[in-house]
Amino acid sequence: MKLAAVLFTIILSVSFFSCSKDVNNYYSTGNNYGIMSASINGSYWSANNGYAQMPSAYTLTLYASYNQQSYMAINISGYTGPGDYTLGGFNTAIFYDGGGTEYDATSGTVTITSDNAGNVQGYFYFSGLGYNGGNSVNVTNGSFNLNK
């Protein structure tokens, strides 16, 4: 699990810096790049910035943040288009709560319902554990509509 988290962080970092768009645009105000929301341990969470990108031929990265504080990052390796993808191994999801705890998905599913040249849509859910130990998170009713 730790190896998958490290690999995901590396892939996500490389994708941020190799992107052809200006990275600062991802952190502008408003829904310039799409939306993502979920229930986090029963409380509603919604991002005000987000995007999707394919940093390599078979990898899809979904990222969304709320005021550059809390964020959700999902990485699907072996991506081949719309369908269900089980989280675990190289398919990862991370939720950072903005208060110092980052949660790594231990189980869950991401479903891509639509993928075209400029947009990816779908939904997700997962359970995860905090990197700092015993804390856990239950992410339900997740949905996204993100621009590429």
C-alpha atoms as a PDB file:
ATOM      1  CA  MET A   1       0.000   0.000   0.000  1.00  0.00           C
ATOM      2  CA  LYS A   2       2.803   2.446   0.837  1.00  0.00           C
ATOM      3  CA  LEU A   3       4.557   1.613  -2.470  1.00  0.00           C
ATOM      4  CA  ALA A   4       1.361   2.338  -4.402  1.00  0.00           C
ATOM      5  CA  ALA A   5       0.985   5.664  -2.577  1.00  0.00           C
ATOM      6  CA  VAL A   6       4.586   6.621  -3.360  1.00  0.00           C
ATOM      7  CA  LEU A   7       4.173   5.643  -7.012  1.00  0.00           C
ATOM      8  CA  PHE A   8       0.913   7.584  -7.231  1.00  0.00           C
ATOM      9  CA  THR A   9       2.577  10.668  -5.750  1.00  0.00           C
ATOM     10  CA  ILE A  10       5.414  10.409  -8.280  1.00  0.00           C
ATOM     11  CA  ILE A  11       3.008   9.973 -11.198  1.00  0.00           C
ATOM     12  CA  LEU A  12       0.850  12.847  -9.993  1.00  0.00           C
ATOM     13  CA  SER A  13       3.907  15.098  -9.545  1.00  0.00           C
ATOM     14  CA  VAL A  14       5.223  14.276 -13.014  1.00  0.00           C
ATOM     15  CA  SER A  15       1.806  14.915 -14.536  1.00  0.00           C
ATOM     16  CA  PHE A  16       1.570  18.338 -12.847  1.00  0.00           C
ATOM     17  CA  PHE A  17       4.901  19.490 -14.205  1.00  0.00           C
ATOM     18  CA  SER A  18       4.626  17.931 -17.658  1.00  0.00           C
ATOM     19  CA  CYS A  19       1.190  19.354 -18.401  1.00  0.00           C
ATOM     20  CA  SER A  20       0.979  21.715 -21.356  1.00  0.00           C
ATOM     21  CA  LYS A  21      -1.383  24.098 -19.513  1.00  0.00           C
ATOM     22  CA  ASP A  22      -0.164  26.677 -17.039  1.00  0.00           C
ATOM     23  CA  VAL A  23      -0.231  24.942 -13.639  1.00  0.00           C
ATOM     24  CA  ASN A  24      -1.357  28.168 -11.949  1.00  0.00           C
ATOM     25  CA  ASN A  25      -4.616  28.030 -13.932  1.00  0.00           C
ATOM     26  CA  TYR A  26      -5.635  24.932 -11.968  1.00  0.00           C
ATOM     27  CA  TYR A  27      -5.823  27.034  -8.844  1.00  0.00           C
ATOM     28  CA  SER A  28      -7.856  29.915 -10.149  1.00  0.00           C
ATOM     29  CA  THR A  29     -11.217  30.612  -8.520  1.00  0.00           C
ATOM     30  CA  GLY A  30     -14.406  29.139  -9.908  1.00  0.00           C
ATOM     31  CA  ASN A  31     -15.260  25.927 -11.727  1.00  0.00           C
ATOM     32  CA  ASN A  32     -12.945  26.529 -14.659  1.00  0.00           C
ATOM     33  CA  TYR A  33     -12.041  22.876 -15.028  1.00  0.00           C
ATOM     34  CA  GLY A  34     -15.018  20.972 -13.663  1.00  0.00           C
ATOM     35  CA  ILE A  35     -16.613  19.758 -10.474  1.00  0.00           C
ATOM     36  CA  MET A  36     -16.237  16.923  -7.973  1.00  0.00           C
ATOM     37  CA  SER A  37     -18.186  16.192  -4.804  1.00  0.00           C
ATOM     38  CA  ALA A  38     -18.550  13.378  -2.255  1.00  0.00           C
ATOM     39  CA  SER A  39     -19.726  12.536   1.218  1.00  0.00           C
ATOM     40  CA  ILE A  40     -16.718  12.281   3.567  1.00  0.00           C
ATOM     41  CA  ASN A  41     -17.618  10.342   6.721  1.00  0.00           C
ATOM     42  CA  GLY A  42     -21.187  11.591   6.237  1.00  0.00           C
ATOM     43  CA  SER A  43     -20.326  15.262   5.609  1.00  0.00           C
ATOM     44  CA  TYR A  44     -20.716  16.903   2.215  1.00  0.00           C
ATOM     45  CA  TRP A  45     -17.468  17.903   0.441  1.00  0.00           C
ATOM     46  CA  SER A  46     -17.278  19.764  -2.851  1.00  0.00           C
ATOM     47  CA  ALA A  47     -14.326  21.035  -4.851  1.00  0.00           C
ATOM     48  CA  ASN A  48     -14.250  24.425  -6.514  1.00  0.00           C
ATOM     49  CA  ASN A  49     -11.406  23.505  -8.903  1.00  0.00           C
ATOM     50  CA  GLY A  50     -10.695  20.263 -10.698  1.00  0.00           C
ATOM     51  CA  TYR A  51      -9.407  18.649 -13.859  1.00  0.00           C
ATOM     52  CA  ALA A  52      -8.746  15.338 -15.571  1.00  0.00           C
ATOM     53  CA  GLN A  53      -5.684  14.449 -17.613  1.00  0.00           C
ATOM     54  CA  MET A  54      -3.903  11.504 -19.154  1.00  0.00           C
ATOM     55  CA  PRO A  55      -0.198  11.841 -18.295  1.00  0.00           C
ATOM     56  CA  SER A  56       0.501   8.645 -20.270  1.00  0.00           C
ATOM     57  CA  ALA A  57      -1.358   6.490 -22.791  1.00  0.00           C
ATOM     58  CA  TYR A  58      -3.114   4.256 -20.229  1.00  0.00           C
ATOM     59  CA  THR A  59      -3.232   6.431 -17.104  1.00  0.00           C
ATOM     60  CA  LEU A  60      -6.099   8.708 -16.121  1.00  0.00           C
ATOM     61  CA  THR A  61      -5.638  11.228 -13.297  1.00  0.00           C
ATOM     62  CA  LEU A  62      -8.577  13.028 -11.684  1.00  0.00           C
ATOM     63  CA  TYR A  63      -7.840  15.887  -9.301  1.00  0.00           C
ATOM     64  CA  ALA A  64     -10.058  18.371  -7.475  1.00  0.00           C
ATOM     65  CA  SER A  65      -9.501  20.752  -4.578  1.00  0.00           C
ATOM     66  CA  TYR A  66     -11.436  23.067  -2.344  1.00  0.00           C
ATOM     67  CA  ASN A  67      -9.701  26.458  -1.999  1.00  0.00           C
ATOM     68  CA  GLN A  68      -6.300  24.764  -2.376  1.00  0.00           C
ATOM     69  CA  GLN A  69      -6.773  23.245   1.088  1.00  0.00           C
ATOM     70  CA  SER A  70      -8.512  19.870   0.907  1.00  0.00           C
ATOM     71  CA  TYR A  71      -8.273  17.729  -2.212  1.00  0.00           C
ATOM     72  CA  MET A  72      -9.202  14.439  -3.839  1.00  0.00           C
ATOM     73  CA  ALA A  73      -6.813  12.722  -6.278  1.00  0.00           C
ATOM     74  CA  ILE A  74      -7.641   9.538  -8.189  1.00  0.00           C
ATOM     75  CA  ASN A  75      -5.216   7.713 -10.464  1.00  0.00           C
ATOM     76  CA  ILE A  76      -6.289   4.866 -12.761  1.00  0.00           C
ATOM     77  CA  SER A  77      -3.520   2.793 -14.354  1.00  0.00           C
ATOM     78  CA  GLY A  78      -4.427   0.561 -17.270  1.00  0.00           C
ATOM     79  CA  TYR A  79      -7.187   2.987 -18.265  1.00  0.00           C
ATOM     80  CA  THR A  80      -9.005   1.905 -21.427  1.00  0.00           C
ATOM     81  CA  GLY A  81     -12.127   4.089 -21.388  1.00  0.00           C
ATOM     82  CA  PRO A  82     -15.513   4.098 -19.670  1.00  0.00           C
ATOM     83  CA  GLY A  83     -16.113   1.274 -17.199  1.00  0.00           C
ATOM     84  CA  ASP A  84     -15.494   0.195 -13.609  1.00  0.00           C
ATOM     85  CA  TYR A  85     -12.019   0.350 -12.051  1.00  0.00           C
ATOM     86  CA  THR A  86     -11.275  -1.246  -8.687  1.00  0.00           C
ATOM     87  CA  LEU A  87      -9.067   0.794  -6.371  1.00  0.00           C
ATOM     88  CA  GLY A  88      -5.965  -0.938  -5.050  1.00  0.00           C
ATOM     89  CA  GLY A  89      -2.507  -1.669  -6.362  1.00  0.00           C
ATOM     90  CA  PHE A  90      -1.711   0.963  -8.992  1.00  0.00           C
ATOM     91  CA  ASN A  91      -5.268   2.336  -9.038  1.00  0.00           C
ATOM     92  CA  THR A  92      -5.210   4.810  -6.179  1.00  0.00           C
ATOM     93  CA  ALA A  93      -7.347   7.444  -4.506  1.00  0.00           C
ATOM     94  CA  ILE A  94      -6.238   9.959  -1.915  1.00  0.00           C
ATOM     95  CA  PHE A  95      -8.272  12.403   0.138  1.00  0.00           C
ATOM     96  CA  TYR A  96      -6.454  15.171   2.014  1.00  0.00           C
ATOM     97  CA  ASP A  97      -8.665  16.791   4.643  1.00  0.00           C
ATOM     98  CA  GLY A  98      -6.835  20.113   4.788  1.00  0.00           C
ATOM     99  CA  GLY A  99      -6.015  19.567   8.443  1.00  0.00           C
ATOM    100  CA  GLY A 100      -2.887  17.484   8.063  1.00  0.00           C
ATOM    101  CA  THR A 101      -4.297  14.014   7.358  1.00  0.00           C
ATOM    102  CA  GLU A 102      -4.029  12.311   3.992  1.00  0.00           C
ATOM    103  CA  TYR A 103      -6.108   9.157   3.479  1.00  0.00           C
ATOM    104  CA  ASP A 104      -5.153   6.377   1.067  1.00  0.00           C
ATOM    105  CA  ALA A 105      -7.941   4.223  -0.395  1.00  0.00           C
ATOM    106  CA  THR A 106      -7.798   0.603   0.743  1.00  0.00           C
ATOM    107  CA  SER A 107     -10.844  -0.492  -1.263  1.00  0.00           C
ATOM    108  CA  GLY A 108     -13.404   1.061  -3.564  1.00  0.00           C
ATOM    109  CA  THR A 109     -14.470   1.605  -7.147  1.00  0.00           C
ATOM    110  CA  VAL A 110     -14.288   4.383  -9.727  1.00  0.00           C
ATOM    111  CA  THR A 111     -16.817   4.227 -12.560  1.00  0.00           C
ATOM    112  CA  ILE A 112     -16.183   6.274 -15.675  1.00  0.00           C
ATOM    113  CA  THR A 113     -19.522   6.847 -17.406  1.00  0.00           C
ATOM    114  CA  SER A 114     -18.360   9.175 -20.167  1.00  0.00           C
ATOM    115  CA  ASP A 115     -15.002  10.146 -21.663  1.00  0.00           C
ATOM    116  CA  ASN A 116     -14.594  12.366 -24.697  1.00  0.00           C
ATOM    117  CA  ALA A 117     -11.890  14.678 -25.998  1.00  0.00           C
ATOM    118  CA  GLY A 118     -12.617  17.430 -23.485  1.00  0.00           C
ATOM    119  CA  ASN A 119     -14.453  15.909 -20.512  1.00  0.00           C
ATOM    120  CA  VAL A 120     -14.607  12.894 -18.151  1.00  0.00           C
ATOM    121  CA  GLN A 121     -17.645  12.042 -16.017  1.00  0.00           C
ATOM    122  CA  GLY A 122     -18.391   9.360 -13.457  1.00  0.00           C
ATOM    123  CA  TYR A 123     -18.707   8.444  -9.821  1.00  0.00           C
ATOM    124  CA  PHE A 124     -16.694   6.775  -7.046  1.00  0.00           C
ATOM    125  CA  TYR A 125     -16.594   5.515  -3.503  1.00  0.00           C
ATOM    126  CA  PHE A 126     -13.831   4.203  -1.258  1.00  0.00           C
ATOM    127  CA  SER A 127     -12.696   3.443   2.256  1.00  0.00           C
ATOM    128  CA  GLY A 128      -9.257   4.566   3.326  1.00  0.00           C
ATOM    129  CA  LEU A 129      -6.740   4.839   6.120  1.00  0.00           C
ATOM    130  CA  GLY A 130      -4.761   7.860   7.226  1.00  0.00           C
ATOM    131  CA  TYR A 131      -1.030   7.841   6.558  1.00  0.00           C
ATOM    132  CA  ASN A 132      -0.420   8.800  10.175  1.00  0.00           C
ATOM    133  CA  GLY A 133      -2.061   5.725  11.642  1.00  0.00           C
ATOM    134  CA  GLY A 134      -5.446   4.711  12.946  1.00  0.00           C
ATOM    135  CA  ASN A 135      -7.709   7.323  11.339  1.00  0.00           C
ATOM    136  CA  SER A 136     -10.070   6.087   8.657  1.00  0.00           C
ATOM    137  CA  VAL A 137     -12.290   7.701   6.048  1.00  0.00           C
ATOM    138  CA  ASN A 138     -15.413   6.548   4.254  1.00  0.00           C
ATOM    139  CA  VAL A 139     -15.978   8.348   0.943  1.00  0.00           C
ATOM    140  CA  THR A 140     -19.421   7.753  -0.578  1.00  0.00           C
ATOM    141  CA  ASN A 141     -21.648   9.288  -3.246  1.00  0.00           C
ATOM    142  CA  GLY A 142     -18.615  10.665  -5.091  1.00  0.00           C
ATOM    143  CA  SER A 143     -19.230  12.158  -8.510  1.00  0.00           C
ATOM    144  CA  PHE A 144     -17.207  14.186 -11.002  1.00  0.00           C
ATOM    145  CA  ASN A 145     -17.593  16.081 -14.234  1.00  0.00           C
ATOM    146  CA  LEU A 146     -14.073  17.221 -15.072  1.00  0.00           C
ATOM    147  CA  ASN A 147     -12.579  18.894 -18.105  1.00  0.00           C
ATOM    148  CA  LYS A 148      -9.376  17.613 -19.661  1.00  0.00           C
END
